[in-house]
Amino acid sequence: AYPMVIAAELDRYLPFLTTTKVLMAAVRKGVGREEAHEAIKENAVAAVLEMRESGTQRNGLFDRLAADERLGLSRDELDALVSAPLELTGAAGRQAARVVQRVRDLAETDPEAAAYQPGAVL
């Protein structure tokens, strides 16, 4: 509905959502899992604090990770991890499709339910 808003949210939060992929990439390069985890955690916390305290919309996590010698990953390698962000959704697409189909089935069998309008909660 709001593609620009969605794109901005992805730019802002996608690096945080890819930390597992970053961890796996670092381990493939020979970094110990615990060392990589600690480096990612430290940099993620610093990046989120910077965003909160400065009010910036820019996520500097990948810049921090690329500069962290413990990980041995370049900015290009990190960017490649998010080149296909839909891969990060896992089963969400299939799950959403099942929910939509279930709602359609219920609406067919019970048209009154399809017309239901909930009242105010508070």
PDB file of N, CA and C in Angstrom:
ATOM      1  N   ALA A   1       0.821  -1.190   0.000  1.00  0.00           N
ATOM      2  CA  ALA A   1       0.000   0.000   0.000  1.00  0.00           C
ATOM      3  C   ALA A   1       0.868   1.257   0.000  1.00  0.00           C
ATOM      4  N   TYR A   2       1.955   1.223   0.712  1.00  0.00           N
ATOM      5  CA  TYR A   2       2.858   2.368   0.806  1.00  0.00           C
ATOM      6  C   TYR A   2       4.286   1.907   0.522  1.00  0.00           C
ATOM      7  N   PRO A   3       4.625   1.724  -0.747  1.00  0.00           N
ATOM      8  CA  PRO A   3       5.926   1.154  -1.092  1.00  0.00           C
ATOM      9  C   PRO A   3       7.118   1.951  -0.565  1.00  0.00           C
ATOM     10  N   MET A   4       7.014   3.261  -0.534  1.00  0.00           N
ATOM     11  CA  MET A   4       8.133   4.076  -0.052  1.00  0.00           C
ATOM     12  C   MET A   4       8.344   3.873   1.448  1.00  0.00           C
ATOM     13  N   VAL A   5       7.261   3.736   2.184  1.00  0.00           N
ATOM     14  CA  VAL A   5       7.361   3.500   3.627  1.00  0.00           C
ATOM     15  C   VAL A   5       7.970   2.125   3.879  1.00  0.00           C
ATOM     16  N   ILE A   6       7.528   1.147   3.118  1.00  0.00           N
ATOM     17  CA  ILE A   6       8.060  -0.213   3.256  1.00  0.00           C
ATOM     18  C   ILE A   6       9.551  -0.229   2.925  1.00  0.00           C
ATOM     19  N   ALA A   7       9.940   0.452   1.852  1.00  0.00           N
ATOM     20  CA  ALA A   7      11.357   0.503   1.470  1.00  0.00           C
ATOM     21  C   ALA A   7      12.190   1.169   2.560  1.00  0.00           C
ATOM     22  N   ALA A   8      11.660   2.230   3.150  1.00  0.00           N
ATOM     23  CA  ALA A   8      12.391   2.923   4.222  1.00  0.00           C
ATOM     24  C   ALA A   8      12.550   2.019   5.444  1.00  0.00           C
ATOM     25  N   GLU A   9      11.504   1.282   5.788  1.00  0.00           N
ATOM     26  CA  GLU A   9      11.576   0.360   6.927  1.00  0.00           C
ATOM     27  C   GLU A   9      12.590  -0.750   6.661  1.00  0.00           C
ATOM     28  N   LEU A  10      12.601  -1.259   5.433  1.00  0.00           N
ATOM     29  CA  LEU A  10      13.579  -2.296   5.085  1.00  0.00           C
ATOM     30  C   LEU A  10      14.998  -1.753   5.196  1.00  0.00           C
ATOM     31  N   ASP A  11      15.224  -0.558   4.659  1.00  0.00           N
ATOM     32  CA  ASP A  11      16.561   0.034   4.749  1.00  0.00           C
ATOM     33  C   ASP A  11      16.984   0.201   6.201  1.00  0.00           C
ATOM     34  N   ARG A  12      16.035   0.567   7.021  1.00  0.00           N
ATOM     35  CA  ARG A  12      16.355   0.840   8.422  1.00  0.00           C
ATOM     36  C   ARG A  12      16.617  -0.433   9.228  1.00  0.00           C
ATOM     37  N   TYR A  13      15.821  -1.466   9.006  1.00  0.00           N
ATOM     38  CA  TYR A  13      15.891  -2.638   9.884  1.00  0.00           C
ATOM     39  C   TYR A  13      16.467  -3.902   9.258  1.00  0.00           C
ATOM     40  N   LEU A  14      16.585  -3.960   7.952  1.00  0.00           N
ATOM     41  CA  LEU A  14      17.063  -5.182   7.300  1.00  0.00           C
ATOM     42  C   LEU A  14      18.428  -5.645   7.808  1.00  0.00           C
ATOM     43  N   PRO A  15      19.386  -4.747   8.028  1.00  0.00           N
ATOM     44  CA  PRO A  15      20.668  -5.242   8.545  1.00  0.00           C
ATOM     45  C   PRO A  15      20.535  -6.015   9.860  1.00  0.00           C
ATOM     46  N   PHE A  16      19.624  -5.601  10.724  1.00  0.00           N
ATOM     47  CA  PHE A  16      19.433  -6.327  11.982  1.00  0.00           C
ATOM     48  C   PHE A  16      18.837  -7.712  11.728  1.00  0.00           C
ATOM     49  N   LEU A  17      17.987  -7.814  10.723  1.00  0.00           N
ATOM     50  CA  LEU A  17      17.335  -9.088  10.425  1.00  0.00           C
ATOM     51  C   LEU A  17      18.272 -10.086   9.753  1.00  0.00           C
ATOM     52  N   THR A  18      19.411  -9.616   9.281  1.00  0.00           N
ATOM     53  CA  THR A  18      20.335 -10.502   8.565  1.00  0.00           C
ATOM     54  C   THR A  18      21.509 -10.966   9.413  1.00  0.00           C
ATOM     55  N   THR A  19      21.467 -10.704  10.705  1.00  0.00           N
ATOM     56  CA  THR A  19      22.634 -11.034  11.528  1.00  0.00           C
ATOM     57  C   THR A  19      22.951 -12.530  11.542  1.00  0.00           C
ATOM     58  N   THR A  20      21.957 -13.376  11.395  1.00  0.00           N
ATOM     59  CA  THR A  20      22.234 -14.816  11.333  1.00  0.00           C
ATOM     60  C   THR A  20      23.030 -15.137  10.072  1.00  0.00           C
ATOM     61  N   LYS A  21      22.660 -14.505   8.953  1.00  0.00           N
ATOM     62  CA  LYS A  21      23.411 -14.719   7.714  1.00  0.00           C
ATOM     63  C   LYS A  21      24.837 -14.180   7.846  1.00  0.00           C
ATOM     64  N   VAL A  22      24.992 -13.060   8.552  1.00  0.00           N
ATOM     65  CA  VAL A  22      26.328 -12.504   8.786  1.00  0.00           C
ATOM     66  C   VAL A  22      27.151 -13.491   9.610  1.00  0.00           C
ATOM     67  N   LEU A  23      26.538 -14.037  10.643  1.00  0.00           N
ATOM     68  CA  LEU A  23      27.220 -15.019  11.489  1.00  0.00           C
ATOM     69  C   LEU A  23      27.691 -16.212  10.656  1.00  0.00           C
ATOM     70  N   MET A  24      26.819 -16.742   9.825  1.00  0.00           N
ATOM     71  CA  MET A  24      27.178 -17.900   9.002  1.00  0.00           C
ATOM     72  C   MET A  24      28.294 -17.555   8.016  1.00  0.00           C
ATOM     73  N   ALA A  25      28.249 -16.359   7.439  1.00  0.00           N
ATOM     74  CA  ALA A  25      29.290 -15.944   6.490  1.00  0.00           C
ATOM     75  C   ALA A  25      30.640 -15.823   7.191  1.00  0.00           C
ATOM     76  N   ALA A  26      30.641 -15.276   8.393  1.00  0.00           N
ATOM     77  CA  ALA A  26      31.892 -15.141   9.146  1.00  0.00           C
ATOM     78  C   ALA A  26      32.452 -16.515   9.510  1.00  0.00           C
ATOM     79  N   VAL A  27      31.586 -17.418   9.924  1.00  0.00           N
ATOM     80  CA  VAL A  27      32.025 -18.770  10.281  1.00  0.00           C
ATOM     81  C   VAL A  27      32.599 -19.481   9.053  1.00  0.00           C
ATOM     82  N   ARG A  28      31.965 -19.295   7.897  1.00  0.00           N
ATOM     83  CA  ARG A  28      32.492 -19.895   6.661  1.00  0.00           C
ATOM     84  C   ARG A  28      33.891 -19.370   6.339  1.00  0.00           C
ATOM     85  N   LYS A  29      34.189 -18.154   6.774  1.00  0.00           N
ATOM     86  CA  LYS A  29      35.524 -17.576   6.543  1.00  0.00           C
ATOM     87  C   LYS A  29      36.522 -18.001   7.610  1.00  0.00           C
ATOM     88  N   GLY A  30      36.085 -18.832   8.555  1.00  0.00           N
ATOM     89  CA  GLY A  30      37.003 -19.349   9.556  1.00  0.00           C
ATOM     90  C   GLY A  30      36.947 -18.668  10.907  1.00  0.00           C
ATOM     91  N   VAL A  31      36.030 -17.739  11.089  1.00  0.00           N
ATOM     92  CA  VAL A  31      35.881 -17.066  12.381  1.00  0.00           C
ATOM     93  C   VAL A  31      35.133 -18.006  13.317  1.00  0.00           C
ATOM     94  N   GLY A  32      35.545 -18.073  14.561  1.00  0.00           N
ATOM     95  CA  GLY A  32      34.837 -18.897  15.533  1.00  0.00           C
ATOM     96  C   GLY A  32      33.425 -18.370  15.763  1.00  0.00           C
ATOM     97  N   ARG A  33      32.482 -19.273  15.951  1.00  0.00           N
ATOM     98  CA  ARG A  33      31.090 -18.878  16.105  1.00  0.00           C
ATOM     99  C   ARG A  33      30.889 -17.914  17.266  1.00  0.00           C
ATOM    100  N   GLU A  34      31.495 -18.219  18.403  1.00  0.00           N
ATOM    101  CA  GLU A  34      31.318 -17.359  19.576  1.00  0.00           C
ATOM    102  C   GLU A  34      31.932 -15.986  19.356  1.00  0.00           C
ATOM    103  N   GLU A  35      33.106 -15.953  18.728  1.00  0.00           N
ATOM    104  CA  GLU A  35      33.752 -14.664  18.450  1.00  0.00           C
ATOM    105  C   GLU A  35      32.906 -13.836  17.476  1.00  0.00           C
ATOM    106  N   ALA A  36      32.392 -14.488  16.436  1.00  0.00           N
ATOM    107  CA  ALA A  36      31.551 -13.788  15.463  1.00  0.00           C
ATOM    108  C   ALA A  36      30.276 -13.283  16.128  1.00  0.00           C
ATOM    109  N   HIS A  37      29.670 -14.116  16.949  1.00  0.00           N
ATOM    110  CA  HIS A  37      28.442 -13.730  17.642  1.00  0.00           C
ATOM    111  C   HIS A  37      28.680 -12.497  18.508  1.00  0.00           C
ATOM    112  N   GLU A  38      29.768 -12.497  19.242  1.00  0.00           N
ATOM    113  CA  GLU A  38      30.080 -11.364  20.118  1.00  0.00           C
ATOM    114  C   GLU A  38      30.308 -10.088  19.307  1.00  0.00           C
ATOM    115  N   ALA A  39      31.042 -10.201  18.208  1.00  0.00           N
ATOM    116  CA  ALA A  39      31.307  -9.031  17.361  1.00  0.00           C
ATOM    117  C   ALA A  39      30.008  -8.478  16.782  1.00  0.00           C
ATOM    118  N   ILE A  40      29.149  -9.362  16.310  1.00  0.00           N
ATOM    119  CA  ILE A  40      27.870  -8.933  15.735  1.00  0.00           C
ATOM    120  C   ILE A  40      27.008  -8.279  16.805  1.00  0.00           C
ATOM    121  N   LYS A  41      26.938  -8.893  17.971  1.00  0.00           N
ATOM    122  CA  LYS A  41      26.130  -8.348  19.063  1.00  0.00           C
ATOM    123  C   LYS A  41      26.611  -6.958  19.467  1.00  0.00           C
ATOM    124  N   GLU A  42      27.916  -6.810  19.663  1.00  0.00           N
ATOM    125  CA  GLU A  42      28.467  -5.504  20.057  1.00  0.00           C
ATOM    126  C   GLU A  42      28.134  -4.433  19.028  1.00  0.00           C
ATOM    127  N   ASN A  43      28.316  -4.769  17.766  1.00  0.00           N
ATOM    128  CA  ASN A  43      28.063  -3.795  16.705  1.00  0.00           C
ATOM    129  C   ASN A  43      26.580  -3.503  16.530  1.00  0.00           C
ATOM    130  N   ALA A  44      25.734  -4.508  16.696  1.00  0.00           N
ATOM    131  CA  ALA A  44      24.291  -4.292  16.577  1.00  0.00           C
ATOM    132  C   ALA A  44      23.786  -3.388  17.696  1.00  0.00           C
ATOM    133  N   VAL A  45      24.242  -3.627  18.905  1.00  0.00           N
ATOM    134  CA  VAL A  45      23.833  -2.790  20.037  1.00  0.00           C
ATOM    135  C   VAL A  45      24.302  -1.354  19.815  1.00  0.00           C
ATOM    136  N   ALA A  46      25.540  -1.186  19.376  1.00  0.00           N
ATOM    137  CA  ALA A  46      26.063   0.162  19.121  1.00  0.00           C
ATOM    138  C   ALA A  46      25.270   0.859  18.015  1.00  0.00           C
ATOM    139  N   ALA A  47      24.918   0.117  16.971  1.00  0.00           N
ATOM    140  CA  ALA A  47      24.169   0.708  15.857  1.00  0.00           C
ATOM    141  C   ALA A  47      22.775   1.139  16.289  1.00  0.00           C
ATOM    142  N   VAL A  48      22.097   0.299  17.057  1.00  0.00           N
ATOM    143  CA  VAL A  48      20.740   0.658  17.481  1.00  0.00           C
ATOM    144  C   VAL A  48      20.770   1.819  18.468  1.00  0.00           C
ATOM    145  N   LEU A  49      21.765   1.857  19.334  1.00  0.00           N
ATOM    146  CA  LEU A  49      21.886   2.991  20.257  1.00  0.00           C
ATOM    147  C   LEU A  49      22.133   4.286  19.493  1.00  0.00           C
ATOM    148  N   GLU A  50      22.985   4.212  18.481  1.00  0.00           N
ATOM    149  CA  GLU A  50      23.242   5.397  17.657  1.00  0.00           C
ATOM    150  C   GLU A  50      21.953   5.878  16.992  1.00  0.00           C
ATOM    151  N   MET A  51      21.170   4.949  16.468  1.00  0.00           N
ATOM    152  CA  MET A  51      19.916   5.314  15.813  1.00  0.00           C
ATOM    153  C   MET A  51      18.952   5.962  16.802  1.00  0.00           C
ATOM    154  N   ARG A  52      18.851   5.394  17.981  1.00  0.00           N
ATOM    155  CA  ARG A  52      17.922   5.923  18.983  1.00  0.00           C
ATOM    156  C   ARG A  52      18.369   7.272  19.526  1.00  0.00           C
ATOM    157  N   GLU A  53      19.653   7.376  19.837  1.00  0.00           N
ATOM    158  CA  GLU A  53      20.147   8.587  20.489  1.00  0.00           C
ATOM    159  C   GLU A  53      20.269   9.763  19.530  1.00  0.00           C
ATOM    160  N   SER A  54      20.601   9.492  18.273  1.00  0.00           N
ATOM    161  CA  SER A  54      20.771  10.590  17.320  1.00  0.00           C
ATOM    162  C   SER A  54      19.503  10.864  16.520  1.00  0.00           C
ATOM    163  N   GLY A  55      18.571   9.916  16.544  1.00  0.00           N
ATOM    164  CA  GLY A  55      17.344  10.074  15.770  1.00  0.00           C
ATOM    165  C   GLY A  55      17.529   9.816  14.286  1.00  0.00           C
ATOM    166  N   THR A  56      18.686   9.309  13.903  1.00  0.00           N
ATOM    167  CA  THR A  56      18.945   9.056  12.483  1.00  0.00           C
ATOM    168  C   THR A  56      18.111   7.883  11.975  1.00  0.00           C
ATOM    169  N   GLN A  57      17.740   7.950  10.726  1.00  0.00           N
ATOM    170  CA  GLN A  57      17.034   6.846  10.080  1.00  0.00           C
ATOM    171  C   GLN A  57      18.034   5.870   9.458  1.00  0.00           C
ATOM    172  N   ARG A  58      19.280   6.311   9.325  1.00  0.00           N
ATOM    173  CA  ARG A  58      20.304   5.497   8.674  1.00  0.00           C
ATOM    174  C   ARG A  58      20.814   4.417   9.624  1.00  0.00           C
ATOM    175  N   ASN A  59      20.863   3.197   9.113  1.00  0.00           N
ATOM    176  CA  ASN A  59      21.366   2.072   9.886  1.00  0.00           C
ATOM    177  C   ASN A  59      22.837   1.860   9.526  1.00  0.00           C
ATOM    178  N   GLY A  60      23.723   2.057  10.479  1.00  0.00           N
ATOM    179  CA  GLY A  60      25.152   1.925  10.234  1.00  0.00           C
ATOM    180  C   GLY A  60      25.729   0.572  10.594  1.00  0.00           C
ATOM    181  N   LEU A  61      24.861  -0.427  10.800  1.00  0.00           N
ATOM    182  CA  LEU A  61      25.356  -1.731  11.241  1.00  0.00           C
ATOM    183  C   LEU A  61      26.348  -2.336  10.256  1.00  0.00           C
ATOM    184  N   PHE A  62      26.037  -2.337   8.977  1.00  0.00           N
ATOM    185  CA  PHE A  62      26.942  -2.966   8.020  1.00  0.00           C
ATOM    186  C   PHE A  62      28.274  -2.230   7.937  1.00  0.00           C
ATOM    187  N   ASP A  63      28.258  -0.912   8.074  1.00  0.00           N
ATOM    188  CA  ASP A  63      29.522  -0.167   8.101  1.00  0.00           C
ATOM    189  C   ASP A  63      30.357  -0.614   9.295  1.00  0.00           C
ATOM    190  N   ARG A  64      29.711  -0.769  10.429  1.00  0.00           N
ATOM    191  CA  ARG A  64      30.413  -1.207  11.642  1.00  0.00           C
ATOM    192  C   ARG A  64      30.964  -2.624  11.475  1.00  0.00           C
ATOM    193  N   LEU A  65      30.132  -3.514  10.931  1.00  0.00           N
ATOM    194  CA  LEU A  65      30.565  -4.906  10.760  1.00  0.00           C
ATOM    195  C   LEU A  65      31.727  -5.008   9.770  1.00  0.00           C
ATOM    196  N   ALA A  66      31.662  -4.235   8.695  1.00  0.00           N
ATOM    197  CA  ALA A  66      32.738  -4.262   7.696  1.00  0.00           C
ATOM    198  C   ALA A  66      34.046  -3.745   8.291  1.00  0.00           C
ATOM    199  N   ALA A  67      33.949  -2.817   9.221  1.00  0.00           N
ATOM    200  CA  ALA A  67      35.150  -2.248   9.845  1.00  0.00           C
ATOM    201  C   ALA A  67      35.701  -3.125  10.969  1.00  0.00           C
ATOM    202  N   ASP A  68      34.920  -4.098  11.411  1.00  0.00           N
ATOM    203  CA  ASP A  68      35.334  -4.959  12.519  1.00  0.00           C
ATOM    204  C   ASP A  68      36.214  -6.087  11.983  1.00  0.00           C
ATOM    205  N   GLU A  69      37.488  -6.017  12.290  1.00  0.00           N
ATOM    206  CA  GLU A  69      38.452  -6.993  11.770  1.00  0.00           C
ATOM    207  C   GLU A  69      38.203  -8.406  12.276  1.00  0.00           C
ATOM    208  N   ARG A  70      37.484  -8.557  13.365  1.00  0.00           N
ATOM    209  CA  ARG A  70      37.207  -9.901  13.885  1.00  0.00           C
ATOM    210  C   ARG A  70      36.379 -10.722  12.908  1.00  0.00           C
ATOM    211  N   LEU A  71      35.556 -10.059  12.097  1.00  0.00           N
ATOM    212  CA  LEU A  71      34.658 -10.781  11.199  1.00  0.00           C
ATOM    213  C   LEU A  71      35.267 -11.073   9.837  1.00  0.00           C
ATOM    214  N   GLY A  72      36.150 -10.222   9.363  1.00  0.00           N
ATOM    215  CA  GLY A  72      36.784 -10.448   8.067  1.00  0.00           C
ATOM    216  C   GLY A  72      35.835 -10.379   6.892  1.00  0.00           C
ATOM    217  N   LEU A  73      34.773  -9.576   7.004  1.00  0.00           N
ATOM    218  CA  LEU A  73      33.801  -9.437   5.918  1.00  0.00           C
ATOM    219  C   LEU A  73      33.846  -8.017   5.368  1.00  0.00           C
ATOM    220  N   SER A  74      33.842  -7.904   4.050  1.00  0.00           N
ATOM    221  CA  SER A  74      33.846  -6.586   3.417  1.00  0.00           C
ATOM    222  C   SER A  74      32.418  -6.045   3.333  1.00  0.00           C
ATOM    223  N   ARG A  75      32.312  -4.776   3.044  1.00  0.00           N
ATOM    224  CA  ARG A  75      30.989  -4.171   2.873  1.00  0.00           C
ATOM    225  C   ARG A  75      30.267  -4.827   1.697  1.00  0.00           C
ATOM    226  N   ASP A  76      30.987  -5.125   0.625  1.00  0.00           N
ATOM    227  CA  ASP A  76      30.369  -5.792  -0.525  1.00  0.00           C
ATOM    228  C   ASP A  76      29.821  -7.166  -0.144  1.00  0.00           C
ATOM    229  N   GLU A  77      30.580  -7.908   0.660  1.00  0.00           N
ATOM    230  CA  GLU A  77      30.110  -9.228   1.098  1.00  0.00           C
ATOM    231  C   GLU A  77      28.856  -9.093   1.961  1.00  0.00           C
ATOM    232  N   LEU A  78      28.835  -8.101   2.828  1.00  0.00           N
ATOM    233  CA  LEU A  78      27.662  -7.882   3.675  1.00  0.00           C
ATOM    234  C   LEU A  78      26.459  -7.471   2.834  1.00  0.00           C
ATOM    235  N   ASP A  79      26.672  -6.569   1.880  1.00  0.00           N
ATOM    236  CA  ASP A  79      25.570  -6.140   1.010  1.00  0.00           C
ATOM    237  C   ASP A  79      24.994  -7.312   0.221  1.00  0.00           C
ATOM    238  N   ALA A  80      25.858  -8.245  -0.176  1.00  0.00           N
ATOM    239  CA  ALA A  80      25.389  -9.413  -0.929  1.00  0.00           C
ATOM    240  C   ALA A  80      24.441 -10.270  -0.092  1.00  0.00           C
ATOM    241  N   LEU A  81      24.601 -10.240   1.221  1.00  0.00           N
ATOM    242  CA  LEU A  81      23.737 -11.038   2.098  1.00  0.00           C
ATOM    243  C   LEU A  81      22.300 -10.537   2.100  1.00  0.00           C
ATOM    244  N   VAL A  82      22.090  -9.276   1.715  1.00  0.00           N
ATOM    245  CA  VAL A  82      20.732  -8.719   1.718  1.00  0.00           C
ATOM    246  C   VAL A  82      20.242  -8.414   0.309  1.00  0.00           C
ATOM    247  N   SER A  83      20.890  -8.987  -0.685  1.00  0.00           N
ATOM    248  CA  SER A  83      20.504  -8.707  -2.068  1.00  0.00           C
ATOM    249  C   SER A  83      19.138  -9.297  -2.420  1.00  0.00           C
ATOM    250  N   ALA A  84      18.694 -10.289  -1.677  1.00  0.00           N
ATOM    251  CA  ALA A  84      17.378 -10.906  -1.904  1.00  0.00           C
ATOM    252  C   ALA A  84      16.636 -10.965  -0.566  1.00  0.00           C
ATOM    253  N   PRO A  85      16.115  -9.816  -0.111  1.00  0.00           N
ATOM    254  CA  PRO A  85      15.523  -9.765   1.233  1.00  0.00           C
ATOM    255  C   PRO A  85      14.332 -10.697   1.445  1.00  0.00           C
ATOM    256  N   LEU A  86      13.628 -11.056   0.376  1.00  0.00           N
ATOM    257  CA  LEU A  86      12.483 -11.954   0.556  1.00  0.00           C
ATOM    258  C   LEU A  86      12.908 -13.339   1.026  1.00  0.00           C
ATOM    259  N   GLU A  87      14.175 -13.701   0.799  1.00  0.00           N
ATOM    260  CA  GLU A  87      14.677 -14.983   1.310  1.00  0.00           C
ATOM    261  C   GLU A  87      14.624 -15.026   2.835  1.00  0.00           C
ATOM    262  N   LEU A  88      14.648 -13.857   3.456  1.00  0.00           N
ATOM    263  CA  LEU A  88      14.651 -13.788   4.918  1.00  0.00           C
ATOM    264  C   LEU A  88      13.271 -14.021   5.526  1.00  0.00           C
ATOM    265  N   THR A  89      12.245 -14.075   4.695  1.00  0.00           N
ATOM    266  CA  THR A  89      10.890 -14.224   5.230  1.00  0.00           C
ATOM    267  C   THR A  89      10.536 -15.667   5.562  1.00  0.00           C
ATOM    268  N   GLY A  90      11.372 -16.598   5.145  1.00  0.00           N
ATOM    269  CA  GLY A  90      11.111 -17.996   5.478  1.00  0.00           C
ATOM    270  C   GLY A  90       9.761 -18.458   4.957  1.00  0.00           C
ATOM    271  N   ALA A  91       8.965 -19.032   5.840  1.00  0.00           N
ATOM    272  CA  ALA A  91       7.665 -19.585   5.467  1.00  0.00           C
ATOM    273  C   ALA A  91       6.540 -18.558   5.548  1.00  0.00           C
ATOM    274  N   ALA A  92       6.854 -17.305   5.820  1.00  0.00           N
ATOM    275  CA  ALA A  92       5.814 -16.292   6.043  1.00  0.00           C
ATOM    276  C   ALA A  92       4.859 -16.159   4.864  1.00  0.00           C
ATOM    277  N   GLY A  93       5.366 -16.195   3.648  1.00  0.00           N
ATOM    278  CA  GLY A  93       4.501 -16.073   2.474  1.00  0.00           C
ATOM    279  C   GLY A  93       3.497 -17.209   2.384  1.00  0.00           C
ATOM    280  N   ARG A  94       3.974 -18.424   2.590  1.00  0.00           N
ATOM    281  CA  ARG A  94       3.075 -19.587   2.555  1.00  0.00           C
ATOM    282  C   ARG A  94       2.071 -19.534   3.701  1.00  0.00           C
ATOM    283  N   GLN A  95       2.529 -19.123   4.876  1.00  0.00           N
ATOM    284  CA  GLN A  95       1.630 -19.027   6.025  1.00  0.00           C
ATOM    285  C   GLN A  95       0.542 -17.987   5.780  1.00  0.00           C
ATOM    286  N   ALA A  96       0.916 -16.847   5.240  1.00  0.00           N
ATOM    287  CA  ALA A  96      -0.069 -15.798   4.955  1.00  0.00           C
ATOM    288  C   ALA A  96      -1.075 -16.280   3.915  1.00  0.00           C
ATOM    289  N   ALA A  97      -0.600 -16.988   2.901  1.00  0.00           N
ATOM    290  CA  ALA A  97      -1.504 -17.511   1.873  1.00  0.00           C
ATOM    291  C   ALA A  97      -2.500 -18.494   2.477  1.00  0.00           C
ATOM    292  N   ARG A  98      -2.053 -19.326   3.427  1.00  0.00           N
ATOM    293  CA  ARG A  98      -2.966 -20.266   4.085  1.00  0.00           C
ATOM    294  C   ARG A  98      -4.022 -19.529   4.909  1.00  0.00           C
ATOM    295  N   VAL A  99      -3.617 -18.470   5.601  1.00  0.00           N
ATOM    296  CA  VAL A  99      -4.573 -17.689   6.395  1.00  0.00           C
ATOM    297  C   VAL A  99      -5.607 -17.046   5.471  1.00  0.00           C
ATOM    298  N   VAL A 100      -5.149 -16.458   4.372  1.00  0.00           N
ATOM    299  CA  VAL A 100      -6.069 -15.827   3.421  1.00  0.00           C
ATOM    300  C   VAL A 100      -7.047 -16.862   2.879  1.00  0.00           C
ATOM    301  N   GLN A 101      -6.554 -18.043   2.526  1.00  0.00           N
ATOM    302  CA  GLN A 101      -7.441 -19.081   2.003  1.00  0.00           C
ATOM    303  C   GLN A 101      -8.454 -19.525   3.049  1.00  0.00           C
ATOM    304  N   ARG A 102      -8.018 -19.644   4.277  1.00  0.00           N
ATOM    305  CA  ARG A 102      -8.942 -20.039   5.354  1.00  0.00           C
ATOM    306  C   ARG A 102     -10.030 -18.989   5.540  1.00  0.00           C
ATOM    307  N   VAL A 103      -9.669 -17.725   5.487  1.00  0.00           N
ATOM    308  CA  VAL A 103     -10.660 -16.649   5.610  1.00  0.00           C
ATOM    309  C   VAL A 103     -11.636 -16.705   4.443  1.00  0.00           C
ATOM    310  N   ARG A 104     -11.131 -16.929   3.240  1.00  0.00           N
ATOM    311  CA  ARG A 104     -12.018 -17.042   2.072  1.00  0.00           C
ATOM    312  C   ARG A 104     -12.983 -18.208   2.241  1.00  0.00           C
ATOM    313  N   ASP A 105     -12.464 -19.351   2.704  1.00  0.00           N
ATOM    314  CA  ASP A 105     -13.322 -20.518   2.917  1.00  0.00           C
ATOM    315  C   ASP A 105     -14.409 -20.218   3.944  1.00  0.00           C
ATOM    316  N   LEU A 106     -14.036 -19.574   5.034  1.00  0.00           N
ATOM    317  CA  LEU A 106     -15.018 -19.224   6.068  1.00  0.00           C
ATOM    318  C   LEU A 106     -16.044 -18.232   5.542  1.00  0.00           C
ATOM    319  N   ALA A 107     -15.606 -17.279   4.742  1.00  0.00           N
ATOM    320  CA  ALA A 107     -16.528 -16.287   4.177  1.00  0.00           C
ATOM    321  C   ALA A 107     -17.528 -16.948   3.238  1.00  0.00           C
ATOM    322  N   GLU A 108     -17.089 -17.975   2.522  1.00  0.00           N
ATOM    323  CA  GLU A 108     -18.001 -18.702   1.629  1.00  0.00           C
ATOM    324  C   GLU A 108     -19.042 -19.489   2.405  1.00  0.00           C
ATOM    325  N   THR A 109     -18.611 -20.159   3.460  1.00  0.00           N
ATOM    326  CA  THR A 109     -19.535 -21.005   4.216  1.00  0.00           C
ATOM    327  C   THR A 109     -20.399 -20.212   5.186  1.00  0.00           C
ATOM    328  N   ASP A 110     -19.945 -19.013   5.572  1.00  0.00           N
ATOM    329  CA  ASP A 110     -20.704 -18.193   6.524  1.00  0.00           C
ATOM    330  C   ASP A 110     -20.633 -16.728   6.105  1.00  0.00           C
ATOM    331  N   PRO A 111     -21.492 -16.327   5.152  1.00  0.00           N
ATOM    332  CA  PRO A 111     -21.461 -14.950   4.656  1.00  0.00           C
ATOM    333  C   PRO A 111     -21.676 -13.898   5.749  1.00  0.00           C
ATOM    334  N   GLU A 112     -22.430 -14.251   6.785  1.00  0.00           N
ATOM    335  CA  GLU A 112     -22.629 -13.290   7.880  1.00  0.00           C
ATOM    336  C   GLU A 112     -21.308 -12.997   8.586  1.00  0.00           C
ATOM    337  N   ALA A 113     -20.478 -14.000   8.723  1.00  0.00           N
ATOM    338  CA  ALA A 113     -19.176 -13.801   9.357  1.00  0.00           C
ATOM    339  C   ALA A 113     -18.317 -12.858   8.516  1.00  0.00           C
ATOM    340  N   ALA A 114     -18.446 -12.962   7.197  1.00  0.00           N
ATOM    341  CA  ALA A 114     -17.668 -12.100   6.312  1.00  0.00           C
ATOM    342  C   ALA A 114     -18.080 -10.641   6.450  1.00  0.00           C
ATOM    343  N   ALA A 115     -19.321 -10.401   6.834  1.00  0.00           N
ATOM    344  CA  ALA A 115     -19.823  -9.031   6.971  1.00  0.00           C
ATOM    345  C   ALA A 115     -19.626  -8.475   8.380  1.00  0.00           C
ATOM    346  N   TYR A 116     -19.108  -9.277   9.275  1.00  0.00           N
ATOM    347  CA  TYR A 116     -18.948  -8.859  10.676  1.00  0.00           C
ATOM    348  C   TYR A 116     -18.065  -7.620  10.790  1.00  0.00           C
ATOM    349  N   GLN A 117     -18.507  -6.656  11.572  1.00  0.00           N
ATOM    350  CA  GLN A 117     -17.738  -5.447  11.867  1.00  0.00           C
ATOM    351  C   GLN A 117     -17.554  -5.389  13.375  1.00  0.00           C
ATOM    352  N   PRO A 118     -16.339  -5.515  13.860  1.00  0.00           N
ATOM    353  CA  PRO A 118     -16.125  -5.493  15.308  1.00  0.00           C
ATOM    354  C   PRO A 118     -16.416  -4.110  15.887  1.00  0.00           C
ATOM    355  N   GLY A 119     -16.832  -4.115  17.138  1.00  0.00           N
ATOM    356  CA  GLY A 119     -17.070  -2.860  17.839  1.00  0.00           C
ATOM    357  C   GLY A 119     -15.786  -2.327  18.442  1.00  0.00           C
ATOM    358  N   ALA A 120     -15.895  -1.194  19.072  1.00  0.00           N
ATOM    359  CA  ALA A 120     -14.740  -0.575  19.720  1.00  0.00           C
ATOM    360  C   ALA A 120     -14.265  -1.445  20.875  1.00  0.00           C
ATOM    361  N   VAL A 121     -12.972  -1.529  21.046  1.00  0.00           N
ATOM    362  CA  VAL A 121     -12.405  -2.333  22.117  1.00  0.00           C
ATOM    363  C   VAL A 121     -12.470  -1.576  23.431  1.00  0.00           C
ATOM    364  N   LEU A 122     -12.177  -0.311  23.392  1.00  0.00           N
ATOM    365  CA  LEU A 122     -12.191   0.497  24.611  1.00  0.00           C
ATOM    366  C   LEU A 122     -13.324   1.485  24.595  1.00  0.00           C
TER     367      LEU A 122
END
